Amino acid sequence: RRLIYSVPLFPHLPTDRAAGAGKALARCAAGDFDPQWAQLGHN
């Protein structure tokens, strides 16, 4: 099969709220999570 892989933009728990995720999205926008995305690619 050709895999369509749905990837969350950062880890979170079901109890998390969007208001608390703003900083995580901003960190992603700044490139803080680039090593994790590169690791996903390699995996």
Full PDB file with SEQRES, HELIX, SHEET, SSBOND, CRYST1, ORIGX, SCALE, CONECT and MASTER records, all heavy atoms in Angstrom:
SEQRES   1 A   43  ARG ARG LEU ILE TYR SER VAL PRO LEU PHE PRO HIS LEU          
SEQRES   2 A   43  PRO THR ASP ARG ALA ALA GLY ALA GLY LYS ALA LEU ALA          
SEQRES   3 A   43  ARG CYS ALA ALA GLY ASP PHE ASP PRO GLN TRP ALA GLN          
SEQRES   4 A   43  LEU GLY HIS ASN                                              
HELIX    1 AA1 ALA A   18  ALA A   29  1                                  12    
HELIX    2 AA2 ASP A   34  HIS A   42  1                                   9    
CRYST1    1.000    1.000    1.000  90.00  90.00  90.00 P 1           1          
ORIGX1      1.000000  0.000000  0.000000        0.00000                         
ORIGX2      0.000000  1.000000  0.000000        0.00000                         
ORIGX3      0.000000  0.000000  1.000000        0.00000                         
SCALE1      1.000000  0.000000  0.000000        0.00000                         
SCALE2      0.000000  1.000000  0.000000        0.00000                         
SCALE3      0.000000  0.000000  1.000000        0.00000                         
ATOM      1  N   ARG A   1       0.846  -1.193   0.000  1.00  0.00           N  
ATOM      2  CA  ARG A   1       0.000   0.000   0.000  1.00  0.00           C  
ATOM      3  C   ARG A   1       0.882   1.244   0.000  1.00  0.00           C  
ATOM      4  O   ARG A   1       1.965   1.233   0.564  1.00  0.00           O  
ATOM      5  CB  ARG A   1      -0.886   0.071   1.249  1.00  0.00           C  
ATOM      6  CG  ARG A   1      -1.368  -1.241   1.776  1.00  0.00           C  
ATOM      7  CD  ARG A   1      -2.522  -1.802   0.992  1.00  0.00           C  
ATOM      8  NE  ARG A   1      -2.977  -3.057   1.570  1.00  0.00           N  
ATOM      9  CZ  ARG A   1      -3.852  -3.848   1.002  1.00  0.00           C  
ATOM     10  NH1 ARG A   1      -4.399  -3.510  -0.159  1.00  0.00           N  
ATOM     11  NH2 ARG A   1      -4.217  -4.978   1.578  1.00  0.00           N  
ATOM     12  N   ARG A   2       0.388   2.304  -0.599  1.00  0.00           N  
ATOM     13  CA  ARG A   2       1.049   3.593  -0.430  1.00  0.00           C  
ATOM     14  C   ARG A   2       0.472   4.245   0.811  1.00  0.00           C  
ATOM     15  O   ARG A   2      -0.740   4.478   0.907  1.00  0.00           O  
ATOM     16  CB  ARG A   2       0.869   4.492  -1.645  1.00  0.00           C  
ATOM     17  CG  ARG A   2       1.720   5.750  -1.544  1.00  0.00           C  
ATOM     18  CD  ARG A   2       1.681   6.592  -2.780  1.00  0.00           C  
ATOM     19  NE  ARG A   2       2.638   7.672  -2.658  1.00  0.00           N  
ATOM     20  CZ  ARG A   2       2.728   8.692  -3.499  1.00  0.00           C  
ATOM     21  NH1 ARG A   2       1.925   8.745  -4.563  1.00  0.00           N  
ATOM     22  NH2 ARG A   2       3.618   9.648  -3.307  1.00  0.00           N  
ATOM     23  N   LEU A   3       1.317   4.551   1.767  1.00  0.00           N  
ATOM     24  CA  LEU A   3       0.861   5.024   3.066  1.00  0.00           C  
ATOM     25  C   LEU A   3       0.604   6.524   3.045  1.00  0.00           C  
ATOM     26  O   LEU A   3       1.448   7.311   2.616  1.00  0.00           O  
ATOM     27  CB  LEU A   3       1.911   4.699   4.128  1.00  0.00           C  
ATOM     28  CG  LEU A   3       1.587   5.146   5.560  1.00  0.00           C  
ATOM     29  CD1 LEU A   3       0.324   4.448   6.070  1.00  0.00           C  
ATOM     30  CD2 LEU A   3       2.775   4.854   6.487  1.00  0.00           C  
ATOM     31  N   ILE A   4      -0.578   6.915   3.511  1.00  0.00           N  
ATOM     32  CA  ILE A   4      -0.891   8.313   3.803  1.00  0.00           C  
ATOM     33  C   ILE A   4      -0.771   8.452   5.317  1.00  0.00           C  
ATOM     34  O   ILE A   4      -1.573   7.886   6.070  1.00  0.00           O  
ATOM     35  CB  ILE A   4      -2.305   8.677   3.325  1.00  0.00           C  
ATOM     36  CG1 ILE A   4      -2.455   8.394   1.828  1.00  0.00           C  
ATOM     37  CG2 ILE A   4      -2.605  10.142   3.625  1.00  0.00           C  
ATOM     38  CD1 ILE A   4      -3.897   8.383   1.355  1.00  0.00           C  
ATOM     39  N   TYR A   5       0.240   9.183   5.761  1.00  0.00           N  
ATOM     40  CA  TYR A   5       0.586   9.185   7.181  1.00  0.00           C  
ATOM     41  C   TYR A   5       0.217  10.534   7.794  1.00  0.00           C  
ATOM     42  O   TYR A   5       0.790  11.576   7.464  1.00  0.00           O  
ATOM     43  CB  TYR A   5       2.068   8.908   7.364  1.00  0.00           C  
ATOM     44  CG  TYR A   5       2.419   8.366   8.730  1.00  0.00           C  
ATOM     45  CD1 TYR A   5       1.673   7.333   9.307  1.00  0.00           C  
ATOM     46  CD2 TYR A   5       3.507   8.856   9.440  1.00  0.00           C  
ATOM     47  CE1 TYR A   5       1.990   6.831  10.550  1.00  0.00           C  
ATOM     48  CE2 TYR A   5       3.842   8.347  10.684  1.00  0.00           C  
ATOM     49  CZ  TYR A   5       3.071   7.341  11.237  1.00  0.00           C  
ATOM     50  OH  TYR A   5       3.392   6.831  12.473  1.00  0.00           O  
ATOM     51  N   SER A   6      -0.766  10.507   8.691  1.00  0.00           N  
ATOM     52  CA  SER A   6      -1.268  11.710   9.352  1.00  0.00           C  
ATOM     53  C   SER A   6      -0.370  12.022  10.551  1.00  0.00           C  
ATOM     54  O   SER A   6      -0.246  11.199  11.466  1.00  0.00           O  
ATOM     55  CB  SER A   6      -2.705  11.489   9.815  1.00  0.00           C  
ATOM     56  OG  SER A   6      -3.495  10.986   8.755  1.00  0.00           O  
ATOM     57  N   VAL A   7       0.223  13.209  10.547  1.00  0.00           N  
ATOM     58  CA  VAL A   7       1.240  13.541  11.539  1.00  0.00           C  
ATOM     59  C   VAL A   7       0.801  14.754  12.356  1.00  0.00           C  
ATOM     60  O   VAL A   7       0.604  15.843  11.802  1.00  0.00           O  
ATOM     61  CB  VAL A   7       2.583  13.855  10.844  1.00  0.00           C  
ATOM     62  CG1 VAL A   7       3.649  14.202  11.879  1.00  0.00           C  
ATOM     63  CG2 VAL A   7       3.035  12.677   9.994  1.00  0.00           C  
ATOM     64  N   PRO A   8       0.636  14.619  13.672  1.00  0.00           N  
ATOM     65  CA  PRO A   8       0.362  15.788  14.513  1.00  0.00           C  
ATOM     66  C   PRO A   8       1.564  16.724  14.510  1.00  0.00           C  
ATOM     67  O   PRO A   8       2.706  16.283  14.352  1.00  0.00           O  
ATOM     68  CB  PRO A   8       0.128  15.177  15.900  1.00  0.00           C  
ATOM     69  CG  PRO A   8       0.830  13.861  15.863  1.00  0.00           C  
ATOM     70  CD  PRO A   8       0.749  13.366  14.454  1.00  0.00           C  
ATOM     71  N   LEU A   9       1.330  18.004  14.686  1.00  0.00           N  
ATOM     72  CA  LEU A   9       2.419  18.971  14.597  1.00  0.00           C  
ATOM     73  C   LEU A   9       3.290  19.010  15.842  1.00  0.00           C  
ATOM     74  O   LEU A   9       4.390  19.553  15.806  1.00  0.00           O  
ATOM     75  CB  LEU A   9       1.857  20.366  14.312  1.00  0.00           C  
ATOM     76  CG  LEU A   9       1.156  20.522  12.954  1.00  0.00           C  
ATOM     77  CD1 LEU A   9       0.718  21.966  12.741  1.00  0.00           C  
ATOM     78  CD2 LEU A   9       2.050  20.053  11.811  1.00  0.00           C  
ATOM     79  N   PHE A  10       2.822  18.416  16.916  1.00  0.00           N  
ATOM     80  CA  PHE A  10       3.609  18.299  18.144  1.00  0.00           C  
ATOM     81  C   PHE A  10       2.871  17.336  19.063  1.00  0.00           C  
ATOM     82  O   PHE A  10       1.662  17.133  18.917  1.00  0.00           O  
ATOM     83  CB  PHE A  10       3.813  19.658  18.832  1.00  0.00           C  
ATOM     84  CG  PHE A  10       2.603  20.537  18.841  1.00  0.00           C  
ATOM     85  CD1 PHE A  10       1.597  20.387  19.789  1.00  0.00           C  
ATOM     86  CD2 PHE A  10       2.460  21.528  17.888  1.00  0.00           C  
ATOM     87  CE1 PHE A  10       0.482  21.192  19.782  1.00  0.00           C  
ATOM     88  CE2 PHE A  10       1.330  22.339  17.869  1.00  0.00           C  
ATOM     89  CZ  PHE A  10       0.347  22.178  18.823  1.00  0.00           C  
ATOM     90  N   PRO A  11       3.564  16.722  20.005  1.00  0.00           N  
ATOM     91  CA  PRO A  11       2.887  15.780  20.915  1.00  0.00           C  
ATOM     92  C   PRO A  11       1.851  16.507  21.775  1.00  0.00           C  
ATOM     93  O   PRO A  11       2.011  17.669  22.141  1.00  0.00           O  
ATOM     94  CB  PRO A  11       4.034  15.241  21.786  1.00  0.00           C  
ATOM     95  CG  PRO A  11       5.274  15.529  21.002  1.00  0.00           C  
ATOM     96  CD  PRO A  11       5.010  16.790  20.250  1.00  0.00           C  
ATOM     97  N   HIS A  12       0.792  15.796  22.100  1.00  0.00           N  
ATOM     98  CA  HIS A  12      -0.225  16.348  22.982  1.00  0.00           C  
ATOM     99  C   HIS A  12      -1.017  15.192  23.560  1.00  0.00           C  
ATOM    100  O   HIS A  12      -0.987  14.072  23.061  1.00  0.00           O  
ATOM    101  CB  HIS A  12      -1.153  17.315  22.232  1.00  0.00           C  
ATOM    102  CG  HIS A  12      -1.938  16.667  21.125  1.00  0.00           C  
ATOM    103  ND1 HIS A  12      -3.196  16.123  21.314  1.00  0.00           N  
ATOM    104  CD2 HIS A  12      -1.629  16.448  19.822  1.00  0.00           C  
ATOM    105  CE1 HIS A  12      -3.633  15.620  20.178  1.00  0.00           C  
ATOM    106  NE2 HIS A  12      -2.707  15.788  19.255  1.00  0.00           N  
ATOM    107  N   LEU A  13      -1.735  15.471  24.614  1.00  0.00           N  
ATOM    108  CA  LEU A  13      -2.602  14.491  25.244  1.00  0.00           C  
ATOM    109  C   LEU A  13      -4.053  14.855  24.964  1.00  0.00           C  
ATOM    110  O   LEU A  13      -4.365  16.014  24.654  1.00  0.00           O  
ATOM    111  CB  LEU A  13      -2.348  14.460  26.756  1.00  0.00           C  
ATOM    112  CG  LEU A  13      -0.918  14.051  27.170  1.00  0.00           C  
ATOM    113  CD1 LEU A  13      -0.754  14.192  28.682  1.00  0.00           C  
ATOM    114  CD2 LEU A  13      -0.617  12.633  26.723  1.00  0.00           C  
ATOM    115  N   PRO A  14      -4.965  13.896  25.073  1.00  0.00           N  
ATOM    116  CA  PRO A  14      -6.378  14.203  24.788  1.00  0.00           C  
ATOM    117  C   PRO A  14      -6.942  15.328  25.645  1.00  0.00           C  
ATOM    118  O   PRO A  14      -7.900  15.990  25.246  1.00  0.00           O  
ATOM    119  CB  PRO A  14      -7.086  12.877  25.080  1.00  0.00           C  
ATOM    120  CG  PRO A  14      -6.035  11.841  24.875  1.00  0.00           C  
ATOM    121  CD  PRO A  14      -4.752  12.468  25.338  1.00  0.00           C  
ATOM    122  N   THR A  15      -6.354  15.550  26.829  1.00  0.00           N  
ATOM    123  CA  THR A  15      -6.867  16.595  27.720  1.00  0.00           C  
ATOM    124  C   THR A  15      -6.293  17.970  27.410  1.00  0.00           C  
ATOM    125  O   THR A  15      -6.702  18.962  28.004  1.00  0.00           O  
ATOM    126  CB  THR A  15      -6.527  16.239  29.177  1.00  0.00           C  
ATOM    127  OG1 THR A  15      -5.113  16.003  29.294  1.00  0.00           O  
ATOM    128  CG2 THR A  15      -7.285  14.999  29.615  1.00  0.00           C  
ATOM    129  N   ASP A  16      -5.338  18.065  26.476  1.00  0.00           N  
ATOM    130  CA  ASP A  16      -4.747  19.358  26.130  1.00  0.00           C  
ATOM    131  C   ASP A  16      -5.790  20.279  25.501  1.00  0.00           C  
ATOM    132  O   ASP A  16      -6.725  19.837  24.851  1.00  0.00           O  
ATOM    133  CB  ASP A  16      -3.580  19.188  25.148  1.00  0.00           C  
ATOM    134  CG  ASP A  16      -2.354  18.597  25.823  1.00  0.00           C  
ATOM    135  OD1 ASP A  16      -2.299  18.613  27.065  1.00  0.00           O  
ATOM    136  OD2 ASP A  16      -1.467  18.136  25.099  1.00  0.00           O  
ATOM    137  N   ARG A  17      -5.590  21.561  25.688  1.00  0.00           N  
ATOM    138  CA  ARG A  17      -6.460  22.563  25.092  1.00  0.00           C  
ATOM    139  C   ARG A  17      -5.653  23.420  24.130  1.00  0.00           C  
ATOM    140  O   ARG A  17      -4.468  23.657  24.311  1.00  0.00           O  
ATOM    141  CB  ARG A  17      -7.089  23.447  26.166  1.00  0.00           C  
ATOM    142  CG  ARG A  17      -8.074  22.691  27.056  1.00  0.00           C  
ATOM    143  CD  ARG A  17      -9.325  22.292  26.255  1.00  0.00           C  
ATOM    144  NE  ARG A  17     -10.292  21.570  27.073  1.00  0.00           N  
ATOM    145  CZ  ARG A  17     -10.365  20.253  27.125  1.00  0.00           C  
ATOM    146  NH1 ARG A  17      -9.509  19.518  26.435  1.00  0.00           N  
ATOM    147  NH2 ARG A  17     -11.275  19.667  27.874  1.00  0.00           N  
ATOM    148  N   ALA A  18      -6.331  23.913  23.103  1.00  0.00           N  
ATOM    149  CA  ALA A  18      -5.643  24.686  22.073  1.00  0.00           C  
ATOM    150  C   ALA A  18      -4.931  25.895  22.647  1.00  0.00           C  
ATOM    151  O   ALA A  18      -3.877  26.305  22.165  1.00  0.00           O  
ATOM    152  CB  ALA A  18      -6.640  25.111  20.995  1.00  0.00           C  
ATOM    153  N   ALA A  19      -5.496  26.506  23.686  1.00  0.00           N  
ATOM    154  CA  ALA A  19      -4.869  27.694  24.257  1.00  0.00           C  
ATOM    155  C   ALA A  19      -3.470  27.392  24.767  1.00  0.00           C  
ATOM    156  O   ALA A  19      -2.574  28.219  24.699  1.00  0.00           O  
ATOM    157  CB  ALA A  19      -5.740  28.239  25.386  1.00  0.00           C  
ATOM    158  N   GLY A  20      -3.276  26.181  25.283  1.00  0.00           N  
ATOM    159  CA  GLY A  20      -1.970  25.801  25.782  1.00  0.00           C  
ATOM    160  C   GLY A  20      -1.023  25.328  24.712  1.00  0.00           C  
ATOM    161  O   GLY A  20       0.145  25.067  24.983  1.00  0.00           O  
ATOM    162  N   ALA A  21      -1.526  25.197  23.498  1.00  0.00           N  
ATOM    163  CA  ALA A  21      -0.701  24.701  22.404  1.00  0.00           C  
ATOM    164  C   ALA A  21      -0.110  25.818  21.561  1.00  0.00           C  
ATOM    165  O   ALA A  21       0.698  25.560  20.669  1.00  0.00           O  
ATOM    166  CB  ALA A  21      -1.531  23.779  21.512  1.00  0.00           C  
ATOM    167  N   GLY A  22      -0.498  27.060  21.825  1.00  0.00           N  
ATOM    168  CA  GLY A  22       0.011  28.168  21.033  1.00  0.00           C  
ATOM    169  C   GLY A  22       1.514  28.270  21.056  1.00  0.00           C  
ATOM    170  O   GLY A  22       2.158  28.534  20.034  1.00  0.00           O  
ATOM    171  N   LYS A  23       2.117  28.059  22.220  1.00  0.00           N  
ATOM    172  CA  LYS A  23       3.570  28.137  22.319  1.00  0.00           C  
ATOM    173  C   LYS A  23       4.227  27.028  21.525  1.00  0.00           C  
ATOM    174  O   LYS A  23       5.274  27.236  20.902  1.00  0.00           O  
ATOM    175  CB  LYS A  23       3.994  28.073  23.785  1.00  0.00           C  
ATOM    176  CG  LYS A  23       3.597  29.287  24.602  1.00  0.00           C  
ATOM    177  CD  LYS A  23       4.079  29.168  26.041  1.00  0.00           C  
ATOM    178  CE  LYS A  23       3.684  30.400  26.849  1.00  0.00           C  
ATOM    179  NZ  LYS A  23       4.119  30.289  28.277  1.00  0.00           N  
ATOM    180  N   ALA A  24       3.625  25.834  21.529  1.00  0.00           N  
ATOM    181  CA  ALA A  24       4.198  24.720  20.766  1.00  0.00           C  
ATOM    182  C   ALA A  24       4.149  25.011  19.272  1.00  0.00           C  
ATOM    183  O   ALA A  24       5.105  24.728  18.538  1.00  0.00           O  
ATOM    184  CB  ALA A  24       3.457  23.427  21.083  1.00  0.00           C  
ATOM    185  N   LEU A  25       3.048  25.583  18.793  1.00  0.00           N  
ATOM    186  CA  LEU A  25       2.950  25.914  17.377  1.00  0.00           C  
ATOM    187  C   LEU A  25       3.970  26.993  17.013  1.00  0.00           C  
ATOM    188  O   LEU A  25       4.599  26.928  15.945  1.00  0.00           O  
ATOM    189  CB  LEU A  25       1.535  26.373  17.034  1.00  0.00           C  
ATOM    190  CG  LEU A  25       1.225  26.516  15.546  1.00  0.00           C  
ATOM    191  CD1 LEU A  25       1.369  25.172  14.834  1.00  0.00           C  
ATOM    192  CD2 LEU A  25      -0.179  27.071  15.334  1.00  0.00           C  
ATOM    193  N   ALA A  26       4.151  27.970  17.885  1.00  0.00           N  
ATOM    194  CA  ALA A  26       5.147  29.013  17.644  1.00  0.00           C  
ATOM    195  C   ALA A  26       6.560  28.428  17.620  1.00  0.00           C  
ATOM    196  O   ALA A  26       7.406  28.841  16.810  1.00  0.00           O  
ATOM    197  CB  ALA A  26       5.030  30.100  18.702  1.00  0.00           C  
ATOM    198  N   ARG A  27       6.847  27.473  18.512  1.00  0.00           N  
ATOM    199  CA  ARG A  27       8.163  26.833  18.506  1.00  0.00           C  
ATOM    200  C   ARG A  27       8.391  26.062  17.212  1.00  0.00           C  
ATOM    201  O   ARG A  27       9.480  26.092  16.633  1.00  0.00           O  
ATOM    202  CB  ARG A  27       8.294  25.894  19.697  1.00  0.00           C  
ATOM    203  CG  ARG A  27       8.415  26.585  21.042  1.00  0.00           C  
ATOM    204  CD  ARG A  27       8.681  25.559  22.128  1.00  0.00           C  
ATOM    205  NE  ARG A  27       9.943  24.862  21.879  1.00  0.00           N  
ATOM    206  CZ  ARG A  27      10.296  23.724  22.485  1.00  0.00           C  
ATOM    207  NH1 ARG A  27       9.465  23.148  23.349  1.00  0.00           N  
ATOM    208  NH2 ARG A  27      11.459  23.170  22.219  1.00  0.00           N  
ATOM    209  N   CYS A  28       7.346  25.375  16.752  1.00  0.00           N  
ATOM    210  CA  CYS A  28       7.456  24.664  15.479  1.00  0.00           C  
ATOM    211  C   CYS A  28       7.731  25.642  14.352  1.00  0.00           C  
ATOM    212  O   CYS A  28       8.575  25.391  13.475  1.00  0.00           O  
ATOM    213  CB  CYS A  28       6.174  23.886  15.215  1.00  0.00           C  
ATOM    214  SG  CYS A  28       6.163  22.971  13.667  1.00  0.00           S  
ATOM    215  N   ALA A  29       7.040  26.791  14.378  1.00  0.00           N  
ATOM    216  CA  ALA A  29       7.222  27.806  13.345  1.00  0.00           C  
ATOM    217  C   ALA A  29       8.636  28.367  13.352  1.00  0.00           C  
ATOM    218  O   ALA A  29       9.156  28.801  12.318  1.00  0.00           O  
ATOM    219  CB  ALA A  29       6.206  28.926  13.534  1.00  0.00           C  
ATOM    220  N   ALA A  30       9.273  28.360  14.514  1.00  0.00           N  
ATOM    221  CA  ALA A  30      10.638  28.869  14.635  1.00  0.00           C  
ATOM    222  C   ALA A  30      11.691  27.829  14.269  1.00  0.00           C  
ATOM    223  O   ALA A  30      12.886  28.133  14.258  1.00  0.00           O  
ATOM    224  CB  ALA A  30      10.881  29.364  16.059  1.00  0.00           C  
ATOM    225  N   GLY A  31      11.257  26.587  13.985  1.00  0.00           N  
ATOM    226  CA  GLY A  31      12.205  25.549  13.606  1.00  0.00           C  
ATOM    227  C   GLY A  31      12.703  24.694  14.745  1.00  0.00           C  
ATOM    228  O   GLY A  31      13.599  23.855  14.547  1.00  0.00           O  
ATOM    229  N   ASP A  32      12.134  24.866  15.949  1.00  0.00           N  
ATOM    230  CA  ASP A  32      12.621  24.111  17.110  1.00  0.00           C  
ATOM    231  C   ASP A  32      12.436  22.609  16.947  1.00  0.00           C  
ATOM    232  O   ASP A  32      13.160  21.823  17.578  1.00  0.00           O  
ATOM    233  CB  ASP A  32      11.893  24.566  18.370  1.00  0.00           C  
ATOM    234  CG  ASP A  32      12.299  25.959  18.810  1.00  0.00           C  
ATOM    235  OD1 ASP A  32      13.174  26.564  18.147  1.00  0.00           O  
ATOM    236  OD2 ASP A  32      11.726  26.461  19.802  1.00  0.00           O  
ATOM    237  N   PHE A  33      11.463  22.190  16.131  1.00  0.00           N  
ATOM    238  CA  PHE A  33      11.173  20.763  16.010  1.00  0.00           C  
ATOM    239  C   PHE A  33      11.750  20.148  14.732  1.00  0.00           C  
ATOM    240  O   PHE A  33      11.440  18.992  14.414  1.00  0.00           O  
ATOM    241  CB  PHE A  33       9.656  20.531  16.040  1.00  0.00           C  
ATOM    242  CG  PHE A  33       8.978  21.082  17.277  1.00  0.00           C  
ATOM    243  CD1 PHE A  33       7.657  21.514  17.221  1.00  0.00           C  
ATOM    244  CD2 PHE A  33       9.657  21.180  18.479  1.00  0.00           C  
ATOM    245  CE1 PHE A  33       7.023  22.012  18.344  1.00  0.00           C  
ATOM    246  CE2 PHE A  33       9.034  21.692  19.618  1.00  0.00           C  
ATOM    247  CZ  PHE A  33       7.718  22.119  19.544  1.00  0.00           C  
ATOM    248  N   ASP A  34      12.582  20.886  14.021  1.00  0.00           N  
ATOM    249  CA  ASP A  34      13.158  20.351  12.779  1.00  0.00           C  
ATOM    250  C   ASP A  34      13.886  19.023  12.985  1.00  0.00           C  
ATOM    251  O   ASP A  34      13.771  18.118  12.144  1.00  0.00           O  
ATOM    252  CB  ASP A  34      14.106  21.375  12.151  1.00  0.00           C  
ATOM    253  CG  ASP A  34      13.355  22.535  11.521  1.00  0.00           C  
ATOM    254  OD1 ASP A  34      12.132  22.631  11.709  1.00  0.00           O  
ATOM    255  OD2 ASP A  34      14.004  23.363  10.838  1.00  0.00           O  
ATOM    256  N   PRO A  35      14.641  18.847  14.068  1.00  0.00           N  
ATOM    257  CA  PRO A  35      15.307  17.544  14.263  1.00  0.00           C  
ATOM    258  C   PRO A  35      14.308  16.384  14.359  1.00  0.00           C  
ATOM    259  O   PRO A  35      14.581  15.283  13.863  1.00  0.00           O  
ATOM    260  CB  PRO A  35      16.080  17.734  15.570  1.00  0.00           C  
ATOM    261  CG  PRO A  35      16.321  19.209  15.667  1.00  0.00           C  
ATOM    262  CD  PRO A  35      15.079  19.824  15.099  1.00  0.00           C  
ATOM    263  N   GLN A  36      13.172  16.620  14.985  1.00  0.00           N  
ATOM    264  CA  GLN A  36      12.169  15.554  15.097  1.00  0.00           C  
ATOM    265  C   GLN A  36      11.581  15.214  13.735  1.00  0.00           C  
ATOM    266  O   GLN A  36      11.354  14.042  13.417  1.00  0.00           O  
ATOM    267  CB  GLN A  36      11.064  15.986  16.067  1.00  0.00           C  
ATOM    268  CG  GLN A  36      11.475  15.930  17.537  1.00  0.00           C  
ATOM    269  CD  GLN A  36      12.215  17.177  18.004  1.00  0.00           C  
ATOM    270  OE1 GLN A  36      12.480  18.094  17.214  1.00  0.00           O  
ATOM    271  NE2 GLN A  36      12.561  17.220  19.277  1.00  0.00           N  
ATOM    272  N   TRP A  37      11.318  16.229  12.903  1.00  0.00           N  
ATOM    273  CA  TRP A  37      10.776  15.953  11.567  1.00  0.00           C  
ATOM    274  C   TRP A  37      11.799  15.226  10.705  1.00  0.00           C  
ATOM    275  O   TRP A  37      11.451  14.319   9.949  1.00  0.00           O  
ATOM    276  CB  TRP A  37      10.348  17.252  10.889  1.00  0.00           C  
ATOM    277  CG  TRP A  37       9.342  18.053  11.660  1.00  0.00           C  
ATOM    278  CD1 TRP A  37       9.384  19.386  11.898  1.00  0.00           C  
ATOM    279  CD2 TRP A  37       8.165  17.575  12.306  1.00  0.00           C  
ATOM    280  NE1 TRP A  37       8.298  19.777  12.647  1.00  0.00           N  
ATOM    281  CE2 TRP A  37       7.526  18.682  12.910  1.00  0.00           C  
ATOM    282  CE3 TRP A  37       7.567  16.314  12.437  1.00  0.00           C  
ATOM    283  CZ2 TRP A  37       6.346  18.574  13.630  1.00  0.00           C  
ATOM    284  CZ3 TRP A  37       6.395  16.201  13.156  1.00  0.00           C  
ATOM    285  CH2 TRP A  37       5.793  17.306  13.740  1.00  0.00           C  
ATOM    286  N   ALA A  38      13.068  15.629  10.832  1.00  0.00           N  
ATOM    287  CA  ALA A  38      14.111  14.924  10.081  1.00  0.00           C  
ATOM    288  C   ALA A  38      14.197  13.468  10.521  1.00  0.00           C  
ATOM    289  O   ALA A  38      14.384  12.560   9.694  1.00  0.00           O  
ATOM    290  CB  ALA A  38      15.453  15.629  10.269  1.00  0.00           C  
ATOM    291  N   GLN A  39      14.027  13.220  11.828  1.00  0.00           N  
ATOM    292  CA  GLN A  39      14.061  11.848  12.317  1.00  0.00           C  
ATOM    293  C   GLN A  39      12.897  11.034  11.775  1.00  0.00           C  
ATOM    294  O   GLN A  39      13.056   9.861  11.407  1.00  0.00           O  
ATOM    295  CB  GLN A  39      14.024  11.837  13.850  1.00  0.00           C  
ATOM    296  CG  GLN A  39      14.219  10.457  14.467  1.00  0.00           C  
ATOM    297  CD  GLN A  39      15.557   9.859  14.106  1.00  0.00           C  
ATOM    298  OE1 GLN A  39      16.610  10.469  14.364  1.00  0.00           O  
ATOM    299  NE2 GLN A  39      15.563   8.676  13.509  1.00  0.00           N  
ATOM    300  N   LEU A  40      11.711  11.647  11.704  1.00  0.00           N  
ATOM    301  CA  LEU A  40      10.565  10.959  11.102  1.00  0.00           C  
ATOM    302  C   LEU A  40      10.872  10.590   9.659  1.00  0.00           C  
ATOM    303  O   LEU A  40      10.584   9.467   9.219  1.00  0.00           O  
ATOM    304  CB  LEU A  40       9.325  11.843  11.168  1.00  0.00           C  
ATOM    305  CG  LEU A  40       8.089  11.347  10.405  1.00  0.00           C  
ATOM    306  CD1 LEU A  40       7.632   9.979  10.914  1.00  0.00           C  
ATOM    307  CD2 LEU A  40       6.951  12.362  10.480  1.00  0.00           C  
ATOM    308  N   GLY A  41      11.472  11.501   8.921  1.00  0.00           N  
ATOM    309  CA  GLY A  41      11.833  11.209   7.542  1.00  0.00           C  
ATOM    310  C   GLY A  41      12.793  10.037   7.443  1.00  0.00           C  
ATOM    311  O   GLY A  41      12.596   9.125   6.627  1.00  0.00           O  
ATOM    312  N   HIS A  42      13.811  10.038   8.258  1.00  0.00           N  
ATOM    313  CA  HIS A  42      14.782   8.938   8.241  1.00  0.00           C  
ATOM    314  C   HIS A  42      14.133   7.620   8.656  1.00  0.00           C  
ATOM    315  O   HIS A  42      14.439   6.561   8.081  1.00  0.00           O  
ATOM    316  CB  HIS A  42      15.963   9.263   9.163  1.00  0.00           C  
ATOM    317  CG  HIS A  42      16.872  10.318   8.624  1.00  0.00           C  
ATOM    318  ND1 HIS A  42      17.588  10.165   7.449  1.00  0.00           N  
ATOM    319  CD2 HIS A  42      17.181  11.553   9.081  1.00  0.00           C  
ATOM    320  CE1 HIS A  42      18.310  11.251   7.216  1.00  0.00           C  
ATOM    321  NE2 HIS A  42      18.071  12.114   8.196  1.00  0.00           N  
ATOM    322  N   ASN A  43      13.242   7.663   9.638  1.00  0.00           N  
ATOM    323  CA  ASN A  43      12.579   6.428  10.070  1.00  0.00           C  
ATOM    324  C   ASN A  43      11.685   5.863   8.971  1.00  0.00           C  
ATOM    325  O   ASN A  43      11.625   4.639   8.772  1.00  0.00           O  
ATOM    326  CB  ASN A  43      11.761   6.688  11.335  1.00  0.00           C  
ATOM    327  CG  ASN A  43      12.627   6.875  12.560  1.00  0.00           C  
ATOM    328  OD1 ASN A  43      13.823   6.552  12.548  1.00  0.00           O  
ATOM    329  ND2 ASN A  43      12.047   7.408  13.616  1.00  0.00           N  
TER     330      ASN A  43                                                      
MASTER        0    0    0    2    0    0    0    6  329    1    0    4          
END                                                                             
